Protein backbone atom coordinates (compact mmCIF):
# COMPACT_ATOMS: atom_id res chain seq x y z
CA MET A 1 120.18 26.66 70.39
CA LYS A 2 119.62 30.91 70.56
CA THR A 3 121.06 34.08 67.93
CA ILE A 4 123.21 36.63 69.48
CA ASN A 5 124.65 39.82 68.15
CA THR A 6 128.04 39.91 66.92
CA VAL A 7 129.54 43.34 65.26
CA THR A 8 128.87 42.13 61.54
CA GLY A 9 125.18 41.05 62.54
CA THR A 10 123.52 37.88 64.36
CA VAL A 11 124.64 34.72 64.68
CA SER A 12 123.53 31.32 65.88
CA THR A 13 125.08 29.99 69.22
CA ASP A 14 126.10 26.70 67.58
CA LYS A 15 128.32 28.77 65.26
CA LEU A 16 130.60 30.28 67.75
CA GLY A 17 133.07 27.43 67.89
CA THR A 18 136.18 27.80 69.86
CA THR A 19 136.13 31.32 71.69
CA LEU A 20 138.93 33.41 73.57
CA MET A 21 136.11 35.22 75.55
CA HIS A 22 138.31 38.03 77.01
CA GLU A 23 140.56 39.92 74.28
CA HIS A 24 140.87 43.26 72.76
CA LEU A 25 141.52 44.72 69.44
CA LEU A 26 141.67 48.36 70.25
CA VAL A 27 141.93 50.30 74.08
CA GLY A 28 142.55 53.90 74.87
CA TRP A 29 143.17 55.08 78.39
CA ALA A 30 140.68 57.92 79.00
CA GLY A 31 141.76 61.27 77.87
CA TRP A 32 144.28 59.49 75.83
CA GLU A 33 142.90 62.00 73.00
CA LEU A 34 144.13 64.64 74.95
CA ASP A 35 148.00 64.04 74.69
CA CYS A 36 149.34 65.90 71.58
CA LYS A 37 152.65 64.20 72.24
CA ALA A 38 150.95 60.71 71.90
CA PRO A 39 152.13 59.15 68.88
CA ARG A 40 149.57 59.50 66.38
CA PHE A 41 147.11 56.21 65.65
CA ASP A 42 147.53 55.31 62.02
CA ARG A 43 144.18 53.12 61.70
CA LYS A 44 145.06 51.64 58.45
CA THR A 45 148.17 50.16 60.21
CA GLY A 46 146.22 49.31 63.68
CA LEU A 47 143.77 47.46 61.57
CA LYS A 48 146.15 45.42 59.46
CA GLN A 49 147.60 44.55 62.89
CA ALA A 50 144.39 43.33 64.73
CA VAL A 51 143.47 41.27 61.16
CA GLN A 52 146.58 39.53 61.21
CA ARG A 53 146.25 38.80 64.88
CA LEU A 54 142.94 37.29 64.25
CA LYS A 55 143.87 35.59 61.00
CA GLN A 56 146.69 33.74 63.13
CA LEU A 57 143.91 32.80 65.86
CA LYS A 58 141.81 31.26 62.89
CA ASP A 59 144.44 29.20 61.90
CA LEU A 60 144.43 27.90 65.25
CA GLY A 61 141.25 27.23 65.18
CA LEU A 62 139.40 29.81 66.43
CA SER A 63 136.06 31.06 65.43
CA THR A 64 134.91 33.97 67.44
CA PHE A 65 136.60 37.12 69.65
CA LEU A 66 134.87 38.39 72.72
CA ASP A 67 136.21 42.16 72.73
CA PRO A 68 135.00 43.63 75.97
CA CYS A 69 135.96 46.87 76.01
CA PRO A 70 133.94 49.06 77.82
CA ASN A 71 132.48 52.34 76.57
CA ASP A 72 135.19 54.83 78.26
CA ILE A 73 138.34 53.32 77.25
CA GLY A 74 138.60 53.88 73.69
CA ARG A 75 135.90 50.97 72.23
CA ASP A 76 135.67 51.62 68.60
CA VAL A 77 132.87 48.88 67.01
CA VAL A 78 133.16 49.92 63.80
CA PHE A 79 137.10 49.41 63.97
CA MET A 80 135.84 45.79 65.28
CA ALA A 81 133.23 45.19 62.33
CA GLU A 82 136.17 46.19 60.11
CA ALA A 83 138.41 43.43 61.28
CA ALA A 84 135.89 40.87 61.51
CA ASP A 85 134.89 41.49 57.93
CA ALA A 86 138.46 41.07 56.81
CA SER A 87 139.22 38.20 58.95
CA GLY A 88 136.46 36.04 58.79
CA VAL A 89 136.29 35.87 62.79
CA ASN A 90 133.09 36.53 64.87
CA ILE A 91 133.93 39.35 66.90
CA ILE A 92 131.67 40.03 70.12
CA CYS A 93 131.35 43.88 71.80
CA THR A 94 130.17 44.69 75.11
CA THR A 95 128.25 47.89 76.55
CA GLY A 96 129.66 49.26 79.91
CA LEU A 97 132.25 51.24 81.83
CA TYR A 98 135.97 50.70 83.42
CA LYS A 99 136.59 51.27 87.04
CA GLU A 100 136.30 54.13 88.88
CA ASP A 101 140.34 54.83 88.62
CA LEU A 102 140.83 54.57 85.10
CA GLY A 103 137.49 55.11 83.59
CA ASN A 104 136.18 58.43 82.38
CA THR A 105 133.52 58.67 84.66
CA VAL A 106 132.79 62.76 85.35
CA TYR A 107 129.74 62.34 83.20
CA MET A 108 128.92 59.15 84.46
CA LYS A 109 128.91 59.64 87.94
CA GLN A 110 126.18 62.45 87.86
CA ARG A 111 123.98 59.61 86.25
CA SER A 112 122.00 57.50 88.26
CA ALA A 113 121.74 53.69 87.94
CA ASP A 114 118.83 53.87 85.87
CA GLU A 115 119.70 55.97 83.80
CA ILE A 116 123.27 53.86 83.37
CA SER A 117 120.86 50.69 82.92
CA GLU A 118 118.92 52.72 80.06
CA ILE A 119 122.23 53.29 78.10
CA TYR A 120 123.31 50.00 78.53
CA THR A 121 119.56 48.70 77.75
CA ALA A 122 119.61 51.01 74.20
CA GLU A 123 123.40 49.83 73.27
CA LEU A 124 122.22 45.79 73.45
CA THR A 125 118.90 46.67 71.83
CA GLU A 126 118.84 49.60 69.27
CA GLY A 127 122.93 49.81 68.54
CA ILE A 128 125.80 51.61 69.47
CA GLY A 129 125.40 55.39 68.62
CA GLU A 130 124.72 55.71 64.62
CA THR A 131 126.52 52.48 64.04
CA GLY A 132 123.59 49.75 64.09
CA ILE A 133 125.93 47.43 65.71
CA LYS A 134 124.16 45.97 68.93
CA ALA A 135 126.64 44.71 72.34
CA ALA A 136 125.58 41.55 73.21
CA LEU A 137 127.03 41.36 76.72
CA ILE A 138 127.40 43.99 79.73
CA LYS A 139 130.96 45.12 81.06
CA CYS A 140 131.54 46.34 84.67
CA ALA A 141 134.62 46.18 86.71
CA THR A 142 136.01 47.12 90.23
CA GLY A 143 139.68 47.93 92.07
CA LYS A 144 141.71 45.85 94.35
CA ASP A 145 140.20 45.30 97.58
CA HIS A 146 137.34 47.99 97.61
CA ILE A 147 133.98 48.18 95.70
CA THR A 148 133.72 52.37 94.72
CA GLU A 149 130.27 53.93 95.42
CA TYR A 150 130.62 54.76 91.36
CA GLU A 151 131.51 50.98 90.99
CA GLU A 152 128.57 49.62 92.91
CA LYS A 153 126.04 51.79 90.93
CA CYS A 154 127.35 50.51 87.77
CA LEU A 155 127.06 47.23 88.56
CA ARG A 156 123.85 47.61 89.65
CA ALA A 157 123.28 49.34 85.86
CA ALA A 158 124.28 45.92 84.82
CA ALA A 159 122.37 43.97 86.71
CA ARG A 160 119.41 45.92 85.87
CA ALA A 161 119.94 45.87 82.07
CA SER A 162 120.68 42.44 81.97
CA LYS A 163 117.42 41.59 83.96
CA ARG A 164 115.52 43.93 81.35
CA THR A 165 117.25 42.53 78.37
CA GLY A 166 118.19 38.74 79.07
CA ALA A 167 122.19 40.13 78.16
CA PRO A 168 124.82 38.28 80.34
CA ILE A 169 127.38 40.07 82.20
CA THR A 170 131.06 40.05 82.33
CA THR A 171 133.33 41.77 84.82
CA HIS A 172 136.85 42.73 85.75
CA THR A 173 138.57 42.23 89.02
CA ASP A 174 142.03 43.41 90.15
CA ASP A 175 144.24 40.62 91.61
CA GLY A 176 142.23 38.27 92.47
CA THR A 177 139.68 40.34 94.51
CA MET A 178 135.89 41.32 94.98
CA GLY A 179 134.39 38.30 92.73
CA ARG A 180 132.38 37.47 95.77
CA GLU A 181 131.31 41.01 96.24
CA GLN A 182 130.40 41.27 92.84
CA LEU A 183 127.93 38.41 93.14
CA ASP A 184 126.68 39.84 96.31
CA ILE A 185 125.43 42.69 94.32
CA PHE A 186 124.03 41.15 91.25
CA GLU A 187 122.33 38.59 93.44
CA SER A 188 120.55 41.42 95.64
CA GLU A 189 119.28 42.67 92.29
CA GLY A 190 117.76 39.38 91.32
CA VAL A 191 120.50 38.49 88.44
CA ASP A 192 120.81 34.85 87.81
CA LEU A 193 124.30 34.24 88.61
CA ALA A 194 124.85 31.59 85.61
CA LYS A 195 124.46 34.81 83.45
CA VAL A 196 127.88 36.18 84.67
CA ILE A 197 131.56 35.60 84.63
CA ILE A 198 133.91 37.00 87.06
CA GLY A 199 136.69 38.10 85.33
CA HIS A 200 140.52 37.76 85.86
CA SER A 201 139.88 35.35 88.56
CA CYS A 202 142.93 33.42 87.60
CA GLY A 203 144.26 36.68 89.52
CA SER A 204 144.22 34.77 92.57
CA ALA A 205 145.52 31.33 93.01
CA ASP A 206 143.16 31.05 96.52
CA LEU A 207 141.10 27.62 95.78
CA ARG A 208 138.71 28.93 98.53
CA TYR A 209 137.95 32.15 96.71
CA HIS A 210 137.47 29.96 93.30
CA THR A 211 135.00 27.51 95.08
CA ASP A 212 133.02 30.00 96.85
CA MET A 213 132.15 31.51 93.73
CA LEU A 214 131.88 28.67 91.37
CA ASP A 215 129.53 27.02 94.13
CA ARG A 216 126.89 29.82 93.39
CA GLY A 217 126.42 28.69 89.85
CA CYS A 218 128.69 31.52 87.86
CA TYR A 219 131.29 31.07 85.35
CA LEU A 220 135.06 32.20 86.13
CA GLY A 221 137.58 33.76 83.50
CA PHE A 222 140.91 32.43 83.39
CA ASP A 223 141.64 34.77 81.21
CA ARG A 224 145.25 36.59 81.69
CA PHE A 225 147.26 34.05 80.75
CA GLY A 226 150.65 35.29 79.56
CA LEU A 227 150.61 38.31 82.20
CA GLU A 228 153.28 36.93 84.28
CA PHE A 229 154.04 40.14 86.26
CA LEU A 230 150.35 39.97 87.91
CA GLN A 231 150.59 36.28 88.42
CA PRO A 232 153.16 33.40 87.35
CA ASP A 233 151.25 31.30 84.70
CA ARG A 234 152.39 28.40 86.74
CA LEU A 235 149.92 29.33 89.61
CA ARG A 236 147.25 30.07 87.16
CA LEU A 237 147.69 26.69 85.78
CA ALA A 238 148.06 24.83 89.15
CA SER A 239 144.89 26.52 90.45
CA LEU A 240 142.89 25.82 86.74
CA ILE A 241 143.91 21.95 87.05
CA GLY A 242 142.86 21.66 90.28
CA LEU A 243 139.44 23.02 89.69
CA LEU A 244 138.94 20.76 86.50
CA GLY A 245 140.07 17.69 88.92
CA VAL A 246 137.13 18.24 90.89
CA GLY A 247 134.34 18.75 88.26
CA PHE A 248 134.42 22.83 87.54
CA ASP A 249 135.14 22.46 83.88
CA ARG A 250 131.73 23.55 83.16
CA GLN A 251 132.05 26.97 84.32
CA ILE A 252 135.34 27.87 83.48
CA VAL A 253 136.48 30.50 80.26
CA LEU A 254 139.86 30.76 79.17
CA SER A 255 141.96 33.94 77.43
CA HIS A 256 144.71 36.67 77.77
CA ASP A 257 143.22 40.05 78.38
CA SER A 258 145.72 40.64 75.33
CA VAL A 259 145.50 44.51 73.16
CA ALA A 260 146.43 44.61 69.74
CA CYS A 261 146.51 48.35 69.22
CA ILE A 262 146.74 51.05 72.07
CA LEU A 263 145.70 54.75 71.60
CA GLY A 264 147.96 57.35 72.77
CA ARG A 265 151.13 56.24 74.85
CA GLY A 266 150.63 52.63 75.51
CA LEU A 267 150.67 50.48 78.62
CA GLY A 268 154.04 52.38 79.77
CA LEU A 269 155.44 49.19 81.60
CA PRO A 270 159.11 49.08 82.16
CA PRO A 271 161.46 47.15 80.34
CA GLU A 272 162.00 44.66 83.20
CA ILE A 273 158.17 43.90 82.86
CA MET A 274 157.98 43.82 79.09
CA GLU A 275 160.65 41.11 79.23
CA THR A 276 158.37 39.05 81.50
CA ILE A 277 155.10 39.03 79.36
CA LYS A 278 156.66 37.73 75.90
CA ASN A 279 153.99 35.34 75.51
CA TRP A 280 151.27 37.67 76.41
CA GLU A 281 149.78 37.07 72.74
CA PRO A 282 146.45 35.53 71.85
CA THR A 283 148.04 32.46 70.29
CA HIS A 284 149.47 31.66 73.81
CA ILE A 285 146.50 29.32 75.25
CA PHE A 286 146.77 27.28 71.95
CA LYS A 287 150.49 26.97 71.55
CA ASN A 288 151.11 27.03 75.32
CA ILE A 289 148.42 26.57 77.72
CA LEU A 290 146.47 23.93 76.01
CA PRO A 291 149.39 21.15 75.51
CA ALA A 292 150.41 21.81 79.23
CA LEU A 293 146.92 21.10 80.35
CA GLY A 294 147.00 17.87 78.02
CA LYS A 295 150.63 17.01 79.78
CA ALA A 296 149.06 17.38 83.22
CA GLY A 297 146.59 14.95 82.19
CA VAL A 298 143.40 17.03 81.35
CA PRO A 299 141.21 15.35 79.04
CA GLU A 300 140.87 16.70 75.62
CA GLN A 301 136.85 16.67 76.77
CA LYS A 302 137.23 19.19 79.42
CA ILE A 303 139.13 21.34 77.18
CA ASN A 304 136.83 21.31 74.65
CA THR A 305 134.50 22.18 77.50
CA MET A 306 136.01 25.17 78.55
CA MET A 307 136.35 26.51 74.93
CA VAL A 308 133.47 25.40 72.60
CA ASP A 309 130.72 24.39 75.47
CA ASN A 310 130.91 26.87 77.92
CA PRO A 311 130.76 30.32 75.65
CA ARG A 312 127.94 28.56 73.89
CA ARG A 313 125.90 27.98 77.27
CA PHE A 314 126.85 31.24 78.47
CA PHE A 315 125.14 32.99 76.03
CA GLU A 316 122.05 30.47 75.88
CA GLN A 317 121.38 30.84 79.77
């Protein structure tokens, strides 16, 4: 048992309960605030929407919601804290920077890995800005099929802050690529890979890709359920069921990467894509995915391991 930071104070890991490990309440792509033609964000309405979503999840058994929004794409920890207070759900936030093509990197490109690591460390140990709210883990990200020099610098900064503070790391990957390379960088910095979640690993249906990483001791995020245009859920389920069948249930966490509120003009997805993601809601796992796992013969114990035990153990490493 260990005590970790949430946006409303510390909580014992044995109180985390059922946890979604990769969801978002509020996201704004870097530069959204410069768009004078964008819809005005009504904070009161947005907060009401976020709280309603959290209460729906709480009714389904959720206790904890991890929002890994990086610093540079609209992270608002006060918004998170207000939503947590109103809903009664634990919310955990991160420190970190997004991948180069979508993050706000002009200033950070001028910083060294050690300087970025100092920023991460301060947000983990002192608090974010003047809010007093402390992050509990570090977020980093890479693009498809390649890690840029900037992204590698941020990965190394995350590794150094993790070693300094003991905080774990969660990552973004594109289309099920670069997870192994992320682990290589973390390992070269001396990070215990049991303190790492390679996010969006369900973007690949290649079991060799999955087992190569799992054999190194990290966790995998099967955390984009409902995003059918990126990868059909049937392939996510097939891969997940296969991995559970050969004993990797203790190294997998589940989520959707859903977004409650968007700052600016939104995701900009065409109607034909929007039609495919009707299930891209944070209730989807509870209503559809867990029943599908049960129907496929996955024992309730393994489901509980992924939803309750693994998030707790991840923070206790």
